[in-house]
Amino acid sequence: MPPRRCAFCPAPPIGEAAVSSWRDDPADVRRETIALCRKHLLRLRKAGATGHLHRGLRYKEGFW
């Protein structure tokens, strides 16, 4: 089994988060569960409804 790491960086994850991700149109959403480190989990939660931009995709916590 490969070592676990954050979906956005090489840091070890502290937990998993259910996220919605989209590129341009929030109606075109992809839903997935990703492992996140503390830094990125906090950034995702701070972003709120607008989503956290990372490498061209916006991520929002939750599937709704």
PDB file of N, CA and C in Angstrom:
ATOM      1  N   MET A   1       0.845  -1.172   0.000  1.00  0.00           N
ATOM      2  CA  MET A   1       0.000   0.000   0.000  1.00  0.00           C
ATOM      3  C   MET A   1       0.896   1.243   0.000  1.00  0.00           C
ATOM      4  N   PRO A   2       0.629   2.200  -0.918  1.00  0.00           N
ATOM      5  CA  PRO A   2       1.445   3.414  -0.958  1.00  0.00           C
ATOM      6  C   PRO A   2       1.189   4.279   0.276  1.00  0.00           C
ATOM      7  N   PRO A   3       2.189   5.056   0.669  1.00  0.00           N
ATOM      8  CA  PRO A   3       1.999   5.935   1.833  1.00  0.00           C
ATOM      9  C   PRO A   3       0.915   6.973   1.545  1.00  0.00           C
ATOM     10  N   ARG A   4       0.127   7.295   2.566  1.00  0.00           N
ATOM     11  CA  ARG A   4      -0.953   8.263   2.406  1.00  0.00           C
ATOM     12  C   ARG A   4      -0.393   9.672   2.432  1.00  0.00           C
ATOM     13  N   ARG A   5      -1.001  10.539   1.662  1.00  0.00           N
ATOM     14  CA  ARG A   5      -0.601  11.936   1.640  1.00  0.00           C
ATOM     15  C   ARG A   5      -1.804  12.793   1.289  1.00  0.00           C
ATOM     16  N   CYS A   6      -1.685  14.080   1.546  1.00  0.00           N
ATOM     17  CA  CYS A   6      -2.724  15.049   1.229  1.00  0.00           C
ATOM     18  C   CYS A   6      -2.946  15.067  -0.292  1.00  0.00           C
ATOM     19  N   ALA A   7      -4.176  15.337  -0.709  1.00  0.00           N
ATOM     20  CA  ALA A   7      -4.489  15.401  -2.137  1.00  0.00           C
ATOM     21  C   ALA A   7      -3.817  16.591  -2.818  1.00  0.00           C
ATOM     22  N   PHE A   8      -3.411  17.622  -2.063  1.00  0.00           N
ATOM     23  CA  PHE A   8      -2.853  18.836  -2.641  1.00  0.00           C
ATOM     24  C   PHE A   8      -1.354  19.010  -2.398  1.00  0.00           C
ATOM     25  N   CYS A   9      -0.779  18.254  -1.452  1.00  0.00           N
ATOM     26  CA  CYS A   9       0.643  18.414  -1.129  1.00  0.00           C
ATOM     27  C   CYS A   9       1.182  17.105  -0.549  1.00  0.00           C
ATOM     28  N   PRO A  10       2.487  17.009  -0.303  1.00  0.00           N
ATOM     29  CA  PRO A  10       3.058  15.760   0.216  1.00  0.00           C
ATOM     30  C   PRO A  10       2.883  15.547   1.726  1.00  0.00           C
ATOM     31  N   ALA A  11       2.234  16.445   2.416  1.00  0.00           N
ATOM     32  CA  ALA A  11       2.061  16.312   3.878  1.00  0.00           C
ATOM     33  C   ALA A  11       1.116  15.146   4.206  1.00  0.00           C
ATOM     34  N   PRO A  12       1.302  14.539   5.372  1.00  0.00           N
ATOM     35  CA  PRO A  12       0.392  13.460   5.765  1.00  0.00           C
ATOM     36  C   PRO A  12      -0.997  14.016   6.089  1.00  0.00           C
ATOM     37  N   PRO A  13      -2.049  13.308   5.725  1.00  0.00           N
ATOM     38  CA  PRO A  13      -3.403  13.808   5.965  1.00  0.00           C
ATOM     39  C   PRO A  13      -3.826  13.643   7.418  1.00  0.00           C
ATOM     40  N   ILE A  14      -4.731  14.528   7.872  1.00  0.00           N
ATOM     41  CA  ILE A  14      -5.296  14.371   9.211  1.00  0.00           C
ATOM     42  C   ILE A  14      -6.707  13.812   9.130  1.00  0.00           C
ATOM     43  N   GLY A  15      -7.278  13.816   7.922  1.00  0.00           N
ATOM     44  CA  GLY A  15      -8.625  13.280   7.761  1.00  0.00           C
ATOM     45  C   GLY A  15      -9.077  13.355   6.327  1.00  0.00           C
ATOM     46  N   GLU A  16     -10.274  12.846   6.101  1.00  0.00           N
ATOM     47  CA  GLU A  16     -10.864  12.883   4.774  1.00  0.00           C
ATOM     48  C   GLU A  16     -12.023  13.865   4.762  1.00  0.00           C
ATOM     49  N   ALA A  17     -12.261  14.453   3.610  1.00  0.00           N
ATOM     50  CA  ALA A  17     -13.360  15.401   3.461  1.00  0.00           C
ATOM     51  C   ALA A  17     -14.127  15.072   2.183  1.00  0.00           C
ATOM     52  N   ALA A  18     -15.443  15.135   2.280  1.00  0.00           N
ATOM     53  CA  ALA A  18     -16.283  15.001   1.100  1.00  0.00           C
ATOM     54  C   ALA A  18     -16.314  16.366   0.427  1.00  0.00           C
ATOM     55  N   VAL A  19     -15.949  16.421  -0.845  1.00  0.00           N
ATOM     56  CA  VAL A  19     -15.854  17.704  -1.541  1.00  0.00           C
ATOM     57  C   VAL A  19     -16.594  17.668  -2.878  1.00  0.00           C
ATOM     58  N   SER A  20     -16.992  18.833  -3.311  1.00  0.00           N
ATOM     59  CA  SER A  20     -17.503  19.051  -4.662  1.00  0.00           C
ATOM     60  C   SER A  20     -16.428  19.839  -5.387  1.00  0.00           C
ATOM     61  N   SER A  21     -16.133  19.472  -6.613  1.00  0.00           N
ATOM     62  CA  SER A  21     -15.130  20.216  -7.383  1.00  0.00           C
ATOM     63  C   SER A  21     -15.691  20.546  -8.755  1.00  0.00           C
ATOM     64  N   TRP A  22     -15.287  21.712  -9.284  1.00  0.00           N
ATOM     65  CA  TRP A  22     -15.721  22.150 -10.607  1.00  0.00           C
ATOM     66  C   TRP A  22     -14.682  23.060 -11.201  1.00  0.00           C
ATOM     67  N   ARG A  23     -14.720  23.186 -12.522  1.00  0.00           N
ATOM     68  CA  ARG A  23     -13.748  24.033 -13.209  1.00  0.00           C
ATOM     69  C   ARG A  23     -14.320  25.433 -13.462  1.00  0.00           C
ATOM     70  N   ASP A  24     -15.353  25.577 -14.255  1.00  0.00           N
ATOM     71  CA  ASP A  24     -15.912  26.893 -14.580  1.00  0.00           C
ATOM     72  C   ASP A  24     -17.339  27.067 -14.077  1.00  0.00           C
ATOM     73  N   ASP A  25     -18.156  26.084 -14.317  1.00  0.00           N
ATOM     74  CA  ASP A  25     -19.575  26.158 -13.998  1.00  0.00           C
ATOM     75  C   ASP A  25     -19.879  25.341 -12.742  1.00  0.00           C
ATOM     76  N   PRO A  26     -20.354  25.970 -11.662  1.00  0.00           N
ATOM     77  CA  PRO A  26     -20.667  25.217 -10.446  1.00  0.00           C
ATOM     78  C   PRO A  26     -21.749  24.157 -10.641  1.00  0.00           C
ATOM     79  N   ALA A  27     -22.511  24.244 -11.720  1.00  0.00           N
ATOM     80  CA  ALA A  27     -23.522  23.220 -11.993  1.00  0.00           C
ATOM     81  C   ALA A  27     -22.876  21.930 -12.500  1.00  0.00           C
ATOM     82  N   ASP A  28     -21.675  22.028 -13.060  1.00  0.00           N
ATOM     83  CA  ASP A  28     -20.937  20.864 -13.565  1.00  0.00           C
ATOM     84  C   ASP A  28     -19.991  20.382 -12.464  1.00  0.00           C
ATOM     85  N   VAL A  29     -20.545  19.669 -11.497  1.00  0.00           N
ATOM     86  CA  VAL A  29     -19.811  19.314 -10.276  1.00  0.00           C
ATOM     87  C   VAL A  29     -19.383  17.858 -10.282  1.00  0.00           C
ATOM     88  N   ARG A  30     -18.180  17.622  -9.780  1.00  0.00           N
ATOM     89  CA  ARG A  30     -17.687  16.268  -9.536  1.00  0.00           C
ATOM     90  C   ARG A  30     -17.607  16.093  -8.026  1.00  0.00           C
ATOM     91  N   ARG A  31     -18.136  14.999  -7.522  1.00  0.00           N
ATOM     92  CA  ARG A  31     -18.163  14.760  -6.071  1.00  0.00           C
ATOM     93  C   ARG A  31     -17.208  13.632  -5.731  1.00  0.00           C
ATOM     94  N   GLU A  32     -16.388  13.845  -4.693  1.00  0.00           N
ATOM     95  CA  GLU A  32     -15.425  12.828  -4.286  1.00  0.00           C
ATOM     96  C   GLU A  32     -15.027  13.018  -2.830  1.00  0.00           C
ATOM     97  N   THR A  33     -14.369  12.033  -2.283  1.00  0.00           N
ATOM     98  CA  THR A  33     -13.828  12.108  -0.930  1.00  0.00           C
ATOM     99  C   THR A  33     -12.307  12.091  -1.049  1.00  0.00           C
ATOM    100  N   ILE A  34     -11.649  13.106  -0.479  1.00  0.00           N
ATOM    101  CA  ILE A  34     -10.196  13.222  -0.588  1.00  0.00           C
ATOM    102  C   ILE A  34      -9.571  13.360   0.796  1.00  0.00           C
ATOM    103  N   ALA A  35      -8.318  12.926   0.907  1.00  0.00           N
ATOM    104  CA  ALA A  35      -7.547  13.073   2.135  1.00  0.00           C
ATOM    105  C   ALA A  35      -6.870  14.437   2.130  1.00  0.00           C
ATOM    106  N   LEU A  36      -6.946  15.151   3.268  1.00  0.00           N
ATOM    107  CA  LEU A  36      -6.369  16.494   3.348  1.00  0.00           C
ATOM    108  C   LEU A  36      -5.523  16.664   4.607  1.00  0.00           C
ATOM    109  N   CYS A  37      -4.462  17.451   4.475  1.00  0.00           N
ATOM    110  CA  CYS A  37      -3.655  17.821   5.638  1.00  0.00           C
ATOM    111  C   CYS A  37      -4.374  18.960   6.366  1.00  0.00           C
ATOM    112  N   ARG A  38      -3.857  19.319   7.506  1.00  0.00           N
ATOM    113  CA  ARG A  38      -4.493  20.361   8.328  1.00  0.00           C
ATOM    114  C   ARG A  38      -4.585  21.691   7.585  1.00  0.00           C
ATOM    115  N   LYS A  39      -3.498  22.077   6.922  1.00  0.00           N
ATOM    116  CA  LYS A  39      -3.452  23.365   6.219  1.00  0.00           C
ATOM    117  C   LYS A  39      -4.532  23.450   5.140  1.00  0.00           C
ATOM    118  N   HIS A  40      -4.643  22.433   4.319  1.00  0.00           N
ATOM    119  CA  HIS A  40      -5.607  22.468   3.225  1.00  0.00           C
ATOM    120  C   HIS A  40      -7.044  22.255   3.699  1.00  0.00           C
ATOM    121  N   LEU A  41      -7.228  21.513   4.772  1.00  0.00           N
ATOM    122  CA  LEU A  41      -8.567  21.350   5.327  1.00  0.00           C
ATOM    123  C   LEU A  41      -9.094  22.693   5.844  1.00  0.00           C
ATOM    124  N   LEU A  42      -8.225  23.457   6.510  1.00  0.00           N
ATOM    125  CA  LEU A  42      -8.624  24.783   6.994  1.00  0.00           C
ATOM    126  C   LEU A  42      -8.911  25.741   5.842  1.00  0.00           C
ATOM    127  N   ARG A  43      -8.102  25.708   4.800  1.00  0.00           N
ATOM    128  CA  ARG A  43      -8.332  26.569   3.637  1.00  0.00           C
ATOM    129  C   ARG A  43      -9.658  26.234   2.956  1.00  0.00           C
ATOM    130  N   LEU A  44      -9.948  24.948   2.872  1.00  0.00           N
ATOM    131  CA  LEU A  44     -11.202  24.515   2.256  1.00  0.00           C
ATOM    132  C   LEU A  44     -12.398  24.995   3.062  1.00  0.00           C
ATOM    133  N   ARG A  45     -12.310  24.918   4.377  1.00  0.00           N
ATOM    134  CA  ARG A  45     -13.414  25.359   5.231  1.00  0.00           C
ATOM    135  C   ARG A  45     -13.570  26.874   5.214  1.00  0.00           C
ATOM    136  N   LYS A  46     -12.483  27.626   5.125  1.00  0.00           N
ATOM    137  CA  LYS A  46     -12.544  29.088   5.075  1.00  0.00           C
ATOM    138  C   LYS A  46     -13.145  29.588   3.766  1.00  0.00           C
ATOM    139  N   ALA A  47     -12.963  28.848   2.687  1.00  0.00           N
ATOM    140  CA  ALA A  47     -13.408  29.288   1.365  1.00  0.00           C
ATOM    141  C   ALA A  47     -14.922  29.394   1.267  1.00  0.00           C
ATOM    142  N   GLY A  48     -15.633  28.561   1.986  1.00  0.00           N
ATOM    143  CA  GLY A  48     -17.093  28.635   1.977  1.00  0.00           C
ATOM    144  C   GLY A  48     -17.700  28.249   0.641  1.00  0.00           C
ATOM    145  N   ALA A  49     -18.779  28.936   0.267  1.00  0.00           N
ATOM    146  CA  ALA A  49     -19.548  28.585  -0.928  1.00  0.00           C
ATOM    147  C   ALA A  49     -18.810  28.900  -2.234  1.00  0.00           C
ATOM    148  N   THR A  50     -17.869  29.845  -2.208  1.00  0.00           N
ATOM    149  CA  THR A  50     -17.146  30.185  -3.435  1.00  0.00           C
ATOM    150  C   THR A  50     -16.153  29.103  -3.820  1.00  0.00           C
ATOM    151  N   GLY A  51     -15.689  28.339  -2.866  1.00  0.00           N
ATOM    152  CA  GLY A  51     -14.748  27.259  -3.135  1.00  0.00           C
ATOM    153  C   GLY A  51     -13.305  27.712  -3.091  1.00  0.00           C
ATOM    154  N   HIS A  52     -12.428  26.774  -2.809  1.00  0.00           N
ATOM    155  CA  HIS A  52     -10.979  27.000  -2.740  1.00  0.00           C
ATOM    156  C   HIS A  52     -10.381  26.656  -4.096  1.00  0.00           C
ATOM    157  N   LEU A  53      -9.706  27.610  -4.724  1.00  0.00           N
ATOM    158  CA  LEU A  53      -9.099  27.390  -6.028  1.00  0.00           C
ATOM    159  C   LEU A  53      -7.753  26.687  -5.868  1.00  0.00           C
ATOM    160  N   HIS A  54      -7.592  25.562  -6.556  1.00  0.00           N
ATOM    161  CA  HIS A  54      -6.330  24.819  -6.515  1.00  0.00           C
ATOM    162  C   HIS A  54      -6.111  24.169  -7.876  1.00  0.00           C
ATOM    163  N   ARG A  55      -5.071  24.611  -8.585  1.00  0.00           N
ATOM    164  CA  ARG A  55      -4.695  24.082  -9.893  1.00  0.00           C
ATOM    165  C   ARG A  55      -5.850  24.066 -10.885  1.00  0.00           C
ATOM    166  N   GLY A  56      -6.566  25.173 -10.969  1.00  0.00           N
ATOM    167  CA  GLY A  56      -7.617  25.327 -11.956  1.00  0.00           C
ATOM    168  C   GLY A  56      -8.981  24.770 -11.574  1.00  0.00           C
ATOM    169  N   LEU A  57      -9.065  24.072 -10.443  1.00  0.00           N
ATOM    170  CA  LEU A  57     -10.342  23.538  -9.966  1.00  0.00           C
ATOM    171  C   LEU A  57     -10.730  24.243  -8.678  1.00  0.00           C
ATOM    172  N   ARG A  58     -12.018  24.420  -8.474  1.00  0.00           N
ATOM    173  CA  ARG A  58     -12.534  24.951  -7.217  1.00  0.00           C
ATOM    174  C   ARG A  58     -13.070  23.786  -6.407  1.00  0.00           C
ATOM    175  N   TYR A  59     -12.750  23.778  -5.119  1.00  0.00           N
ATOM    176  CA  TYR A  59     -13.191  22.728  -4.212  1.00  0.00           C
ATOM    177  C   TYR A  59     -14.039  23.343  -3.101  1.00  0.00           C
ATOM    178  N   LYS A  60     -15.168  22.717  -2.814  1.00  0.00           N
ATOM    179  CA  LYS A  60     -16.052  23.164  -1.758  1.00  0.00           C
ATOM    180  C   LYS A  60     -16.371  21.958  -0.876  1.00  0.00           C
ATOM    181  N   GLU A  61     -16.352  22.159   0.432  1.00  0.00           N
ATOM    182  CA  GLU A  61     -16.644  21.057   1.342  1.00  0.00           C
ATOM    183  C   GLU A  61     -18.104  20.681   1.241  1.00  0.00           C
ATOM    184  N   GLY A  62     -18.370  19.399   1.152  1.00  0.00           N
ATOM    185  CA  GLY A  62     -19.746  18.890   1.092  1.00  0.00           C
ATOM    186  C   GLY A  62     -20.201  18.611  -0.325  1.00  0.00           C
ATOM    187  N   PHE A  63     -21.222  17.803  -0.431  1.00  0.00           N
ATOM    188  CA  PHE A  63     -21.755  17.413  -1.743  1.00  0.00           C
ATOM    189  C   PHE A  63     -22.935  18.250  -2.170  1.00  0.00           C
ATOM    190  N   TRP A  64     -23.397  19.154  -1.337  1.00  0.00           N
ATOM    191  CA  TRP A  64     -24.609  19.916  -1.640  1.00  0.00           C
ATOM    192  C   TRP A  64     -24.298  21.292  -2.161  1.00  0.00           C
TER     193      TRP A  64
END
